[in-house]
PDB file of N, CA and C in Angstrom:
ATOM      1  N   MET A   1       0.840  -1.165   0.000  1.00  0.00           N
ATOM      2  CA  MET A   1       0.000   0.000   0.000  1.00  0.00           C
ATOM      3  C   MET A   1       0.896   1.243   0.000  1.00  0.00           C
ATOM      4  N   PHE A   2       0.602   2.173  -0.855  1.00  0.00           N
ATOM      5  CA  PHE A   2       1.329   3.433  -0.962  1.00  0.00           C
ATOM      6  C   PHE A   2       0.445   4.523  -0.372  1.00  0.00           C
ATOM      7  N   THR A   3       0.976   5.262   0.609  1.00  0.00           N
ATOM      8  CA  THR A   3       0.208   6.327   1.244  1.00  0.00           C
ATOM      9  C   THR A   3       0.961   7.639   1.135  1.00  0.00           C
ATOM     10  N   GLN A   4       0.337   8.633   0.503  1.00  0.00           N
ATOM     11  CA  GLN A   4       0.934   9.962   0.432  1.00  0.00           C
ATOM     12  C   GLN A   4       0.717  10.670   1.761  1.00  0.00           C
ATOM     13  N   LEU A   5       1.761  11.294   2.280  1.00  0.00           N
ATOM     14  CA  LEU A   5       1.658  12.027   3.535  1.00  0.00           C
ATOM     15  C   LEU A   5       1.340  13.486   3.249  1.00  0.00           C
ATOM     16  N   ASN A   6       0.289  13.987   3.859  1.00  0.00           N
ATOM     17  CA  ASN A   6      -0.116  15.366   3.640  1.00  0.00           C
ATOM     18  C   ASN A   6      -0.514  15.970   4.978  1.00  0.00           C
ATOM     19  N   PRO A   7       0.335  16.770   5.594  1.00  0.00           N
ATOM     20  CA  PRO A   7       1.567  17.336   5.067  1.00  0.00           C
ATOM     21  C   PRO A   7       2.737  16.362   5.180  1.00  0.00           C
ATOM     22  N   PRO A   8       3.824  16.612   4.443  1.00  0.00           N
ATOM     23  CA  PRO A   8       5.031  15.794   4.589  1.00  0.00           C
ATOM     24  C   PRO A   8       5.607  15.945   5.999  1.00  0.00           C
ATOM     25  N   LEU A   9       6.344  14.934   6.444  1.00  0.00           N
ATOM     26  CA  LEU A   9       6.926  14.941   7.787  1.00  0.00           C
ATOM     27  C   LEU A   9       8.429  15.187   7.729  1.00  0.00           C
ATOM     28  N   PRO A  10       8.948  16.088   8.579  1.00  0.00           N
ATOM     29  CA  PRO A  10      10.399  16.302   8.632  1.00  0.00           C
ATOM     30  C   PRO A  10      11.060  15.131   9.366  1.00  0.00           C
ATOM     31  N   VAL A  11      11.927  14.415   8.668  1.00  0.00           N
ATOM     32  CA  VAL A  11      12.578  13.237   9.243  1.00  0.00           C
ATOM     33  C   VAL A  11      14.082  13.305   9.047  1.00  0.00           C
ATOM     34  N   LEU A  12      14.774  12.429   9.772  1.00  0.00           N
ATOM     35  CA  LEU A  12      16.212  12.247   9.621  1.00  0.00           C
ATOM     36  C   LEU A  12      16.438  10.812   9.188  1.00  0.00           C
ATOM     37  N   ILE A  13      17.105  10.636   8.063  1.00  0.00           N
ATOM     38  CA  ILE A  13      17.461   9.302   7.597  1.00  0.00           C
ATOM     39  C   ILE A  13      18.892   9.040   8.060  1.00  0.00           C
ATOM     40  N   ILE A  14      19.076   8.045   8.911  1.00  0.00           N
ATOM     41  CA  ILE A  14      20.399   7.733   9.439  1.00  0.00           C
ATOM     42  C   ILE A  14      21.351   7.442   8.277  1.00  0.00           C
ATOM     43  N   ASP A  15      22.507   8.061   8.300  1.00  0.00           N
ATOM     44  CA  ASP A  15      23.566   7.941   7.294  1.00  0.00           C
ATOM     45  C   ASP A  15      23.262   8.676   5.989  1.00  0.00           C
ATOM     46  N   LYS A  16      22.133   9.379   5.898  1.00  0.00           N
ATOM     47  CA  LYS A  16      21.809  10.147   4.678  1.00  0.00           C
ATOM     48  C   LYS A  16      21.569  11.614   4.976  1.00  0.00           C
ATOM     49  N   GLY A  17      20.832  11.926   6.055  1.00  0.00           N
ATOM     50  CA  GLY A  17      20.570  13.312   6.419  1.00  0.00           C
ATOM     51  C   GLY A  17      19.102  13.622   6.585  1.00  0.00           C
ATOM     52  N   ALA A  18      18.833  14.911   6.771  1.00  0.00           N
ATOM     53  CA  ALA A  18      17.475  15.397   7.013  1.00  0.00           C
ATOM     54  C   ALA A  18      16.711  15.556   5.704  1.00  0.00           C
ATOM     55  N   GLY A  19      15.397  15.426   5.803  1.00  0.00           N
ATOM     56  CA  GLY A  19      14.559  15.607   4.626  1.00  0.00           C
ATOM     57  C   GLY A  19      13.087  15.588   4.984  1.00  0.00           C
ATOM     58  N   LEU A  20      12.256  15.599   3.947  1.00  0.00           N
ATOM     59  CA  LEU A  20      10.810  15.524   4.121  1.00  0.00           C
ATOM     60  C   LEU A  20      10.305  14.196   3.578  1.00  0.00           C
ATOM     61  N   ALA A  21       9.661  13.435   4.447  1.00  0.00           N
ATOM     62  CA  ALA A  21       9.019  12.195   4.006  1.00  0.00           C
ATOM     63  C   ALA A  21       7.665  12.569   3.423  1.00  0.00           C
ATOM     64  N   PHE A  22       7.436  12.201   2.167  1.00  0.00           N
ATOM     65  CA  PHE A  22       6.178  12.569   1.530  1.00  0.00           C
ATOM     66  C   PHE A  22       5.295  11.368   1.214  1.00  0.00           C
ATOM     67  N   ALA A  23       5.803  10.160   1.512  1.00  0.00           N
ATOM     68  CA  ALA A  23       4.988   8.957   1.293  1.00  0.00           C
ATOM     69  C   ALA A  23       5.547   7.816   2.140  1.00  0.00           C
ATOM     70  N   VAL A  24       4.694   6.838   2.389  1.00  0.00           N
ATOM     71  CA  VAL A  24       5.083   5.615   3.090  1.00  0.00           C
ATOM     72  C   VAL A  24       4.573   4.436   2.261  1.00  0.00           C
ATOM     73  N   ILE A  25       5.436   3.420   2.115  1.00  0.00           N
ATOM     74  CA  ILE A  25       5.051   2.194   1.415  1.00  0.00           C
ATOM     75  C   ILE A  25       4.984   1.077   2.454  1.00  0.00           C
ATOM     76  N   ASP A  26       3.872   0.364   2.481  1.00  0.00           N
ATOM     77  CA  ASP A  26       3.671  -0.736   3.428  1.00  0.00           C
ATOM     78  C   ASP A  26       3.469  -2.011   2.624  1.00  0.00           C
ATOM     79  N   TYR A  27       4.470  -2.912   2.690  1.00  0.00           N
ATOM     80  CA  TYR A  27       4.391  -4.172   1.961  1.00  0.00           C
ATOM     81  C   TYR A  27       3.758  -5.291   2.780  1.00  0.00           C
ATOM     82  N   GLY A  28       3.380  -4.994   4.030  1.00  0.00           N
ATOM     83  CA  GLY A  28       2.695  -6.001   4.827  1.00  0.00           C
ATOM     84  C   GLY A  28       3.424  -6.333   6.111  1.00  0.00           C
ATOM     85  N   ALA A  29       2.879  -7.324   6.821  1.00  0.00           N
ATOM     86  CA  ALA A  29       3.313  -7.649   8.181  1.00  0.00           C
ATOM     87  C   ALA A  29       4.763  -8.117   8.281  1.00  0.00           C
ATOM     88  N   GLU A  30       5.307  -8.739   7.270  1.00  0.00           N
ATOM     89  CA  GLU A  30       6.663  -9.294   7.342  1.00  0.00           C
ATOM     90  C   GLU A  30       7.739  -8.323   6.866  1.00  0.00           C
ATOM     91  N   HIS A  31       7.377  -7.058   6.640  1.00  0.00           N
ATOM     92  CA  HIS A  31       8.312  -6.088   6.073  1.00  0.00           C
ATOM     93  C   HIS A  31       8.296  -4.793   6.869  1.00  0.00           C
ATOM     94  N   ASN A  32       9.416  -4.062   6.837  1.00  0.00           N
ATOM     95  CA  ASN A  32       9.472  -2.724   7.418  1.00  0.00           C
ATOM     96  C   ASN A  32       8.680  -1.758   6.552  1.00  0.00           C
ATOM     97  N   LEU A  33       8.135  -0.703   7.179  1.00  0.00           N
ATOM     98  CA  LEU A  33       7.598   0.399   6.394  1.00  0.00           C
ATOM     99  C   LEU A  33       8.751   1.022   5.622  1.00  0.00           C
ATOM    100  N   ILE A  34       8.470   1.556   4.442  1.00  0.00           N
ATOM    101  CA  ILE A  34       9.468   2.244   3.627  1.00  0.00           C
ATOM    102  C   ILE A  34       9.041   3.709   3.530  1.00  0.00           C
ATOM    103  N   TRP A  35       9.929   4.606   3.968  1.00  0.00           N
ATOM    104  CA  TRP A  35       9.645   6.036   3.957  1.00  0.00           C
ATOM    105  C   TRP A  35      10.259   6.656   2.707  1.00  0.00           C
ATOM    106  N   VAL A  36       9.438   7.245   1.854  1.00  0.00           N
ATOM    107  CA  VAL A  36       9.900   7.905   0.635  1.00  0.00           C
ATOM    108  C   VAL A  36      10.206   9.355   1.023  1.00  0.00           C
ATOM    109  N   THR A  37      11.496   9.712   0.935  1.00  0.00           N
ATOM    110  CA  THR A  37      11.969  10.972   1.512  1.00  0.00           C
ATOM    111  C   THR A  37      12.821  11.761   0.533  1.00  0.00           C
ATOM    112  N   ALA A  38      12.550  13.066   0.442  1.00  0.00           N
ATOM    113  CA  ALA A  38      13.385  13.994  -0.332  1.00  0.00           C
ATOM    114  C   ALA A  38      14.383  14.626   0.633  1.00  0.00           C
ATOM    115  N   LEU A  39      15.674  14.420   0.390  1.00  0.00           N
ATOM    116  CA  LEU A  39      16.707  14.948   1.278  1.00  0.00           C
ATOM    117  C   LEU A  39      16.892  16.449   1.076  1.00  0.00           C
ATOM    118  N   ASP A  40      17.072  17.171   2.185  1.00  0.00           N
ATOM    119  CA  ASP A  40      17.221  18.629   2.138  1.00  0.00           C
ATOM    120  C   ASP A  40      18.495  19.060   1.420  1.00  0.00           C
ATOM    121  N   ASP A  41      19.621  18.427   1.725  1.00  0.00           N
ATOM    122  CA  ASP A  41      20.910  18.889   1.203  1.00  0.00           C
ATOM    123  C   ASP A  41      21.111  18.630  -0.285  1.00  0.00           C
ATOM    124  N   THR A  42      20.662  17.480  -0.763  1.00  0.00           N
ATOM    125  CA  THR A  42      20.971  17.095  -2.146  1.00  0.00           C
ATOM    126  C   THR A  42      19.762  17.047  -3.072  1.00  0.00           C
ATOM    127  N   GLY A  43      18.554  17.000  -2.489  1.00  0.00           N
ATOM    128  CA  GLY A  43      17.358  16.869  -3.304  1.00  0.00           C
ATOM    129  C   GLY A  43      17.097  15.448  -3.766  1.00  0.00           C
ATOM    130  N   GLU A  44      17.982  14.524  -3.375  1.00  0.00           N
ATOM    131  CA  GLU A  44      17.803  13.124  -3.752  1.00  0.00           C
ATOM    132  C   GLU A  44      16.548  12.555  -3.091  1.00  0.00           C
ATOM    133  N   ILE A  45      15.939  11.597  -3.763  1.00  0.00           N
ATOM    134  CA  ILE A  45      14.797  10.863  -3.217  1.00  0.00           C
ATOM    135  C   ILE A  45      15.310   9.499  -2.788  1.00  0.00           C
ATOM    136  N   TRP A  46      15.088   9.148  -1.521  1.00  0.00           N
ATOM    137  CA  TRP A  46      15.495   7.855  -0.994  1.00  0.00           C
ATOM    138  C   TRP A  46      14.307   7.136  -0.395  1.00  0.00           C
ATOM    139  N   CYS A  47      14.294   5.825  -0.541  1.00  0.00           N
ATOM    140  CA  CYS A  47      13.305   4.971   0.111  1.00  0.00           C
ATOM    141  C   CYS A  47      14.015   4.278   1.266  1.00  0.00           C
ATOM    142  N   ALA A  48      13.729   4.735   2.474  1.00  0.00           N
ATOM    143  CA  ALA A  48      14.459   4.267   3.652  1.00  0.00           C
ATOM    144  C   ALA A  48      13.591   3.327   4.482  1.00  0.00           C
ATOM    145  N   PRO A  49      14.166   2.209   4.946  1.00  0.00           N
ATOM    146  CA  PRO A  49      13.410   1.297   5.804  1.00  0.00           C
ATOM    147  C   PRO A  49      13.182   1.922   7.188  1.00  0.00           C
ATOM    148  N   ASN A  50      12.099   1.552   7.812  1.00  0.00           N
ATOM    149  CA  ASN A  50      11.681   2.136   9.082  1.00  0.00           C
ATOM    150  C   ASN A  50      12.795   2.224  10.143  1.00  0.00           C
ATOM    151  N   PRO A  51      13.651   1.202  10.342  1.00  0.00           N
ATOM    152  CA  PRO A  51      14.683   1.313  11.382  1.00  0.00           C
ATOM    153  C   PRO A  51      15.700   2.429  11.148  1.00  0.00           C
ATOM    154  N   LYS A  52      15.778   2.967   9.930  1.00  0.00           N
ATOM    155  CA  LYS A  52      16.732   4.033   9.604  1.00  0.00           C
ATOM    156  C   LYS A  52      16.112   5.434   9.673  1.00  0.00           C
ATOM    157  N   VAL A  53      14.835   5.538  10.072  1.00  0.00           N
ATOM    158  CA  VAL A  53      14.115   6.809  10.030  1.00  0.00           C
ATOM    159  C   VAL A  53      13.831   7.309  11.444  1.00  0.00           C
ATOM    160  N   ARG A  54      14.109   8.600  11.669  1.00  0.00           N
ATOM    161  CA  ARG A  54      13.812   9.251  12.942  1.00  0.00           C
ATOM    162  C   ARG A  54      13.126  10.577  12.656  1.00  0.00           C
ATOM    163  N   MET A  55      12.230  10.991  13.549  1.00  0.00           N
ATOM    164  CA  MET A  55      11.635  12.318  13.432  1.00  0.00           C
ATOM    165  C   MET A  55      12.713  13.350  13.743  1.00  0.00           C
ATOM    166  N   GLN A  56      12.650  14.495  13.067  1.00  0.00           N
ATOM    167  CA  GLN A  56      13.586  15.574  13.372  1.00  0.00           C
ATOM    168  C   GLN A  56      13.217  16.195  14.720  1.00  0.00           C
ATOM    169  N   ALA A  57      14.197  16.858  15.325  1.00  0.00           N
ATOM    170  CA  ALA A  57      13.958  17.554  16.587  1.00  0.00           C
ATOM    171  C   ALA A  57      12.878  18.623  16.405  1.00  0.00           C
ATOM    172  N   ASN A  58      12.094  18.838  17.458  1.00  0.00           N
ATOM    173  CA  ASN A  58      11.047  19.854  17.431  1.00  0.00           C
ATOM    174  C   ASN A  58      10.935  20.439  18.830  1.00  0.00           C
ATOM    175  N   TRP A  59      11.484  21.626  19.021  1.00  0.00           N
ATOM    176  CA  TRP A  59      11.515  22.264  20.326  1.00  0.00           C
ATOM    177  C   TRP A  59      10.107  22.465  20.886  1.00  0.00           C
ATOM    178  N   THR A  60       9.169  22.888  20.055  1.00  0.00           N
ATOM    179  CA  THR A  60       7.800  23.140  20.503  1.00  0.00           C
ATOM    180  C   THR A  60       7.146  21.881  21.053  1.00  0.00           C
ATOM    181  N   MET A  61       7.439  20.733  20.443  1.00  0.00           N
ATOM    182  CA  MET A  61       6.844  19.470  20.882  1.00  0.00           C
ATOM    183  C   MET A  61       7.671  18.782  21.965  1.00  0.00           C
ATOM    184  N   GLY A  62       8.816  19.382  22.338  1.00  0.00           N
ATOM    185  CA  GLY A  62       9.670  18.797  23.367  1.00  0.00           C
ATOM    186  C   GLY A  62      10.495  17.613  22.878  1.00  0.00           C
ATOM    187  N   ARG A  63      10.644  17.491  21.555  1.00  0.00           N
ATOM    188  CA  ARG A  63      11.424  16.393  20.985  1.00  0.00           C
ATOM    189  C   ARG A  63      12.829  16.911  20.688  1.00  0.00           C
ATOM    190  N   GLU A  64      13.790  16.499  21.508  1.00  0.00           N
ATOM    191  CA  GLU A  64      15.161  16.976  21.373  1.00  0.00           C
ATOM    192  C   GLU A  64      15.939  16.158  20.354  1.00  0.00           C
ATOM    193  N   LYS A  65      17.081  16.734  19.917  1.00  0.00           N
ATOM    194  CA  LYS A  65      17.976  16.017  19.007  1.00  0.00           C
ATOM    195  C   LYS A  65      18.533  14.784  19.700  1.00  0.00           C
ATOM    196  N   ASP A  66      18.680  13.727  18.948  1.00  0.00           N
ATOM    197  CA  ASP A  66      19.347  12.537  19.456  1.00  0.00           C
ATOM    198  C   ASP A  66      20.837  12.738  19.231  1.00  0.00           C
ATOM    199  N   ARG A  67      21.574  13.027  20.285  1.00  0.00           N
ATOM    200  CA  ARG A  67      23.012  13.318  20.182  1.00  0.00           C
ATOM    201  C   ARG A  67      23.797  12.134  19.632  1.00  0.00           C
ATOM    202  N   ASN A  68      23.263  10.919  19.745  1.00  0.00           N
ATOM    203  CA  ASN A  68      23.945   9.729  19.218  1.00  0.00           C
ATOM    204  C   ASN A  68      23.949   9.695  17.696  1.00  0.00           C
ATOM    205  N   LEU A  69      23.060  10.463  17.064  1.00  0.00           N
ATOM    206  CA  LEU A  69      22.949  10.433  15.602  1.00  0.00           C
ATOM    207  C   LEU A  69      23.682  11.579  14.923  1.00  0.00           C
ATOM    208  N   GLU A  70      24.283  12.484  15.692  1.00  0.00           N
ATOM    209  CA  GLU A  70      24.969  13.618  15.092  1.00  0.00           C
ATOM    210  C   GLU A  70      26.274  13.173  14.452  1.00  0.00           C
ATOM    211  N   PRO A  71      26.570  13.664  13.264  1.00  0.00           N
ATOM    212  CA  PRO A  71      27.853  13.310  12.632  1.00  0.00           C
ATOM    213  C   PRO A  71      29.009  13.916  13.411  1.00  0.00           C
ATOM    214  N   PRO A  72      30.171  13.285  13.385  1.00  0.00           N
ATOM    215  CA  PRO A  72      31.321  13.857  14.079  1.00  0.00           C
ATOM    216  C   PRO A  72      31.731  15.179  13.445  1.00  0.00           C
ATOM    217  N   LEU A  73      32.231  16.086  14.263  1.00  0.00           N
ATOM    218  CA  LEU A  73      32.681  17.386  13.749  1.00  0.00           C
ATOM    219  C   LEU A  73      33.987  17.197  12.991  1.00  0.00           C
ATOM    220  N   THR A  74      34.064  17.847  11.840  1.00  0.00           N
ATOM    221  CA  THR A  74      35.289  17.809  11.063  1.00  0.00           C
ATOM    222  C   THR A  74      35.872  19.212  11.009  1.00  0.00           C
ATOM    223  N   PRO A  75      37.191  19.356  11.138  1.00  0.00           N
ATOM    224  CA  PRO A  75      37.783  20.692  11.109  1.00  0.00           C
ATOM    225  C   PRO A  75      37.578  21.370   9.758  1.00  0.00           C
ATOM    226  N   ARG A  76      37.314  22.657   9.803  1.00  0.00           N
ATOM    227  CA  ARG A  76      37.157  23.418   8.568  1.00  0.00           C
ATOM    228  C   ARG A  76      38.503  23.700   7.944  1.00  0.00           C
ATOM    229  N   SER A  77      38.510  23.780   6.638  1.00  0.00           N
ATOM    230  CA  SER A  77      39.733  24.123   5.914  1.00  0.00           C
ATOM    231  C   SER A  77      40.051  25.596   6.160  1.00  0.00           C
ATOM    232  N   THR A  78      41.319  25.939   6.257  1.00  0.00           N
ATOM    233  CA  THR A  78      41.720  27.332   6.500  1.00  0.00           C
ATOM    234  C   THR A  78      42.231  27.989   5.221  1.00  0.00           C
ATOM    235  N   GLN A  79      41.785  27.520   4.086  1.00  0.00           N
ATOM    236  CA  GLN A  79      42.242  28.090   2.808  1.00  0.00           C
ATOM    237  C   GLN A  79      41.596  29.416   2.539  1.00  0.00           C
TER     238      GLN A  79
END
C-alpha cells in the first residue's frame, strides 16, 4: 500500500541526512515500512526502511535532538 503524507513529515534518515518524508510504502506484516523521503541537502529521493528513520527535533513538541545520531565534527579548511 502506498500512502501519500499530507503534510510531509520532517525526518532524519540515518547515514543520509534530514529531509521531508512525503509517502510511506507498506508491503505487509513481514516487512518494514518504507519512507519515501526527499533529502534537504541534495534533493535526492530515498526509500528508507523504518529502522533508519527518525523524526527531526522539534523544540515546541519537546522532541530533542538525538546526540547519538549527530555526525562527528570535522575541522574546517583554512584556505
